[in-house]
C-alpha atoms as a PDB file:
ATOM      1  CA  UNK A   1      54.209-121.131  -9.242  1.00  0.00           C
ATOM      2  CA  UNK A   2      52.263-119.555 -12.075  1.00  0.00           C
ATOM      3  CA  UNK A   3      55.383-119.494 -14.258  1.00  0.00           C
ATOM      4  CA  UNK A   4      55.970-123.170 -13.507  1.00  0.00           C
ATOM      5  CA  UNK A   5      52.457-124.073 -14.649  1.00  0.00           C
ATOM      6  CA  UNK A   6      52.813-121.956 -17.779  1.00  0.00           C
ATOM      7  CA  UNK A   7      56.107-123.710 -18.572  1.00  0.00           C
ATOM      8  CA  UNK A   8      54.500-127.150 -18.261  1.00  0.00           C
ATOM      9  CA  UNK A   9      51.541-126.103 -20.412  1.00  0.00           C
ATOM     10  CA  UNK A  10      53.927-124.664 -23.013  1.00  0.00           C
ATOM     11  CA  UNK A  11      55.546-128.119 -23.274  1.00  0.00           C
ATOM     12  CA  UNK A  12      59.078-127.119 -22.305  1.00  0.00           C
ATOM     13  CA  UNK A  13      61.616-129.893 -21.966  1.00  0.00           C
ATOM     14  CA  UNK A  14      61.915-130.872 -18.314  1.00  0.00           C
ATOM     15  CA  UNK A  15      65.595-129.895 -17.943  1.00  0.00           C
ATOM     16  CA  UNK A  16      65.052-126.632 -19.795  1.00  0.00           C
ATOM     17  CA  UNK A  17      62.098-125.934 -17.526  1.00  0.00           C
ATOM     18  CA  UNK A  18      64.231-126.688 -14.485  1.00  0.00           C
ATOM     19  CA  UNK A  19      66.983-124.322 -15.652  1.00  0.00           C
ATOM     20  CA  UNK A  20      64.531-121.505 -16.211  1.00  0.00           C
ATOM     21  CA  UNK A  21      62.876-122.000 -12.832  1.00  0.00           C
ATOM     22  CA  UNK A  22      66.043-122.294 -10.747  1.00  0.00           C
ATOM     23  CA  UNK A  23      65.235-118.990  -9.093  1.00  0.00           C
ATOM     24  CA  UNK A  24      62.219-120.607  -7.429  1.00  0.00           C
ATOM     25  CA  UNK A  25      64.434-122.662  -5.105  1.00  0.00           C
ATOM     26  CA  UNK A  26      64.502-121.028  -1.712  1.00  0.00           C
ATOM     27  CA  UNK A  27      68.081-120.696  -0.431  1.00  0.00           C
ATOM     28  CA  UNK A  28      68.871-122.727   2.670  1.00  0.00           C
ATOM     29  CA  UNK A  29      71.353-120.187   4.039  1.00  0.00           C
ATOM     30  CA  UNK A  30      71.004-116.521   4.867  1.00  0.00           C
ATOM     31  CA  UNK A  31      72.900-114.123   2.586  1.00  0.00           C
ATOM     32  CA  UNK A  32      75.518-113.649   5.342  1.00  0.00           C
ATOM     33  CA  UNK A  33      76.158-117.400   5.646  1.00  0.00           C
ATOM     34  CA  UNK A  34      76.324-117.729   1.874  1.00  0.00           C
ATOM     35  CA  UNK A  35      78.939-114.968   1.742  1.00  0.00           C
ATOM     36  CA  UNK A  36      80.954-116.731   4.452  1.00  0.00           C
ATOM     37  CA  UNK A  37      80.823-119.959   2.466  1.00  0.00           C
ATOM     38  CA  UNK A  38      81.873-118.180  -0.738  1.00  0.00           C
ATOM     39  CA  UNK A  39      84.724-116.371   1.004  1.00  0.00           C
ATOM     40  CA  UNK A  40      85.921-119.674   2.498  1.00  0.00           C
ATOM     41  CA  UNK A  41      85.862-121.343  -0.921  1.00  0.00           C
ATOM     42  CA  UNK A  42      87.781-118.454  -2.475  1.00  0.00           C
ATOM     43  CA  UNK A  43      90.293-118.466   0.393  1.00  0.00           C
ATOM     44  CA  UNK A  44      90.933-122.153  -0.164  1.00  0.00           C
ATOM     45  CA  UNK A  45      91.480-121.458  -3.858  1.00  0.00           C
ATOM     46  CA  UNK A  46      93.976-118.707  -3.012  1.00  0.00           C
ATOM     47  CA  UNK A  47      95.874-121.148  -0.800  1.00  0.00           C
ATOM     48  CA  UNK A  48      96.306-123.468  -3.782  1.00  0.00           C
ATOM     49  CA  UNK A  49      93.769-125.933  -2.421  1.00  0.00           C
ATOM     50  CA  UNK A  50      90.982-126.149  -4.956  1.00  0.00           C
ATOM     51  CA  UNK A  51      87.715-127.711  -3.844  1.00  0.00           C
ATOM     52  CA  UNK A  52      85.915-130.299  -5.913  1.00  0.00           C
ATOM     53  CA  UNK A  53      82.177-130.114  -6.396  1.00  0.00           C
ATOM     54  CA  UNK A  54      81.760-132.893  -3.836  1.00  0.00           C
ATOM     55  CA  UNK A  55      83.879-130.908  -1.345  1.00  0.00           C
ATOM     56  CA  UNK A  56      81.669-127.851  -1.879  1.00  0.00           C
ATOM     57  CA  UNK A  57      78.508-129.903  -1.430  1.00  0.00           C
ATOM     58  CA  UNK A  58      79.872-131.485   1.770  1.00  0.00           C
ATOM     59  CA  UNK A  59      80.778-128.033   3.103  1.00  0.00           C
ATOM     60  CA  UNK A  60      77.220-126.842   2.547  1.00  0.00           C
ATOM     61  CA  UNK A  61      75.836-129.895   4.356  1.00  0.00           C
ATOM     62  CA  UNK A  62      78.221-129.439   7.306  1.00  0.00           C
ATOM     63  CA  UNK A  63      77.421-125.732   7.542  1.00  0.00           C
ATOM     64  CA  UNK A  64      73.691-126.462   7.681  1.00  0.00           C
ATOM     65  CA  UNK A  65      74.101-129.253  10.246  1.00  0.00           C
ATOM     66  CA  UNK A  66      76.417-127.331  12.582  1.00  0.00           C
ATOM     67  CA  UNK A  67      74.221-124.231  12.549  1.00  0.00           C
ATOM     68  CA  UNK A  68      70.996-126.189  13.034  1.00  0.00           C
ATOM     69  CA  UNK A  69      69.501-124.934   9.787  1.00  0.00           C
ATOM     70  CA  UNK A  70      66.590-126.894   8.346  1.00  0.00           C
ATOM     71  CA  UNK A  71      67.570-128.366   4.985  1.00  0.00           C
ATOM     72  CA  UNK A  72      66.439-131.047   2.584  1.00  0.00           C
ATOM     73  CA  UNK A  73      69.879-132.552   1.918  1.00  0.00           C
ATOM     74  CA  UNK A  74      69.975-136.358   2.022  1.00  0.00           C
ATOM     75  CA  UNK A  75      71.603-137.652   5.223  1.00  0.00           C
ATOM     76  CA  UNK A  76      73.072-140.791   3.676  1.00  0.00           C
ATOM     77  CA  UNK A  77      75.366-138.803   1.365  1.00  0.00           C
ATOM     78  CA  UNK A  78      76.283-136.106   3.911  1.00  0.00           C
ATOM     79  CA  UNK A  79      76.332-133.651   1.012  1.00  0.00           C
ATOM     80  CA  UNK A  80      74.022-131.127  -0.599  1.00  0.00           C
ATOM     81  CA  UNK A  81      72.471-132.076  -3.913  1.00  0.00           C
ATOM     82  CA  UNK A  82      73.964-131.272  -7.300  1.00  0.00           C
ATOM     83  CA  UNK A  83      71.036-129.001  -8.119  1.00  0.00           C
ATOM     84  CA  UNK A  84      71.633-127.028  -4.932  1.00  0.00           C
ATOM     85  CA  UNK A  85      75.252-126.454  -5.953  1.00  0.00           C
ATOM     86  CA  UNK A  86      74.209-125.429  -9.458  1.00  0.00           C
ATOM     87  CA  UNK A  87      71.706-122.867  -8.151  1.00  0.00           C
ATOM     88  CA  UNK A  88      74.265-121.668  -5.573  1.00  0.00           C
ATOM     89  CA  UNK A  89      76.756-121.080  -8.381  1.00  0.00           C
ATOM     90  CA  UNK A  90      74.134-119.128 -10.327  1.00  0.00           C
ATOM     91  CA  UNK A  91      73.789-116.795  -7.344  1.00  0.00           C
ATOM     92  CA  UNK A  92      77.587-116.508  -6.994  1.00  0.00           C
ATOM     93  CA  UNK A  93      79.185-116.274 -10.444  1.00  0.00           C
ATOM     94  CA  UNK A  94      82.623-115.512  -8.967  1.00  0.00           C
ATOM     95  CA  UNK A  95      82.924-119.240  -8.191  1.00  0.00           C
ATOM     96  CA  UNK A  96      84.225-121.456 -10.959  1.00  0.00           C
ATOM     97  CA  UNK A  97      84.424-125.194 -11.304  1.00  0.00           C
ATOM     98  CA  UNK A  98      87.729-126.619 -12.360  1.00  0.00           C
ATOM     99  CA  UNK A  99      89.517-129.862 -11.801  1.00  0.00           C
ATOM    100  CA  UNK A 100      91.980-129.125  -8.999  1.00  0.00           C
ATOM    101  CA  UNK A 101      95.535-130.133  -9.683  1.00  0.00           C
ATOM    102  CA  UNK A 102      98.038-130.953  -7.027  1.00  0.00           C
ATOM    103  CA  UNK A 103     100.779-128.394  -6.491  1.00  0.00           C
ATOM    104  CA  UNK A 104     104.199-129.389  -5.241  1.00  0.00           C
ATOM    105  CA  UNK A 105     105.505-127.814  -2.067  1.00  0.00           C
ATOM    106  CA  UNK A 106     108.455-126.350  -3.971  1.00  0.00           C
ATOM    107  CA  UNK A 107     106.150-124.611  -6.401  1.00  0.00           C
ATOM    108  CA  UNK A 108     103.998-123.296  -3.563  1.00  0.00           C
ATOM    109  CA  UNK A 109     107.110-121.781  -1.986  1.00  0.00           C
ATOM    110  CA  UNK A 110     107.766-119.903  -5.231  1.00  0.00           C
ATOM    111  CA  UNK A 111     104.402-118.143  -4.870  1.00  0.00           C
ATOM    112  CA  UNK A 112     105.131-116.392  -1.589  1.00  0.00           C
ATOM    113  CA  UNK A 113     105.065-112.605  -1.639  1.00  0.00           C
ATOM    114  CA  UNK A 114     108.801-111.791  -1.247  1.00  0.00           C
ATOM    115  CA  UNK A 115     109.763-114.092  -4.119  1.00  0.00           C
ATOM    116  CA  UNK A 116     107.053-112.856  -6.504  1.00  0.00           C
ATOM    117  CA  UNK A 117     107.636-109.108  -5.989  1.00  0.00           C
END
């Protein structure tokens, strides 16, 4: 909290201040649940099914709801906030945001192990 007050007194731009203080957000999930979520996202990517940012935010909301974890996600959207996703990605740099493209079934068949090796 002291760093936050010093940042305000120093006159930092609000967004810049927010970026520098992202570490102050307390994670909603335990490290084990976060790793499960990351591994699920990476597994979906490996199956040629890329997740959009909205998909990732909805997954986080559903995970919190189904496990009975207290969260501050808005109920009307049924998704975690954009800031939560941004801070989550800072903690897990192996995740990348890209625009998923559809892959034809024929092309997916070309990626199976016997054909590639």
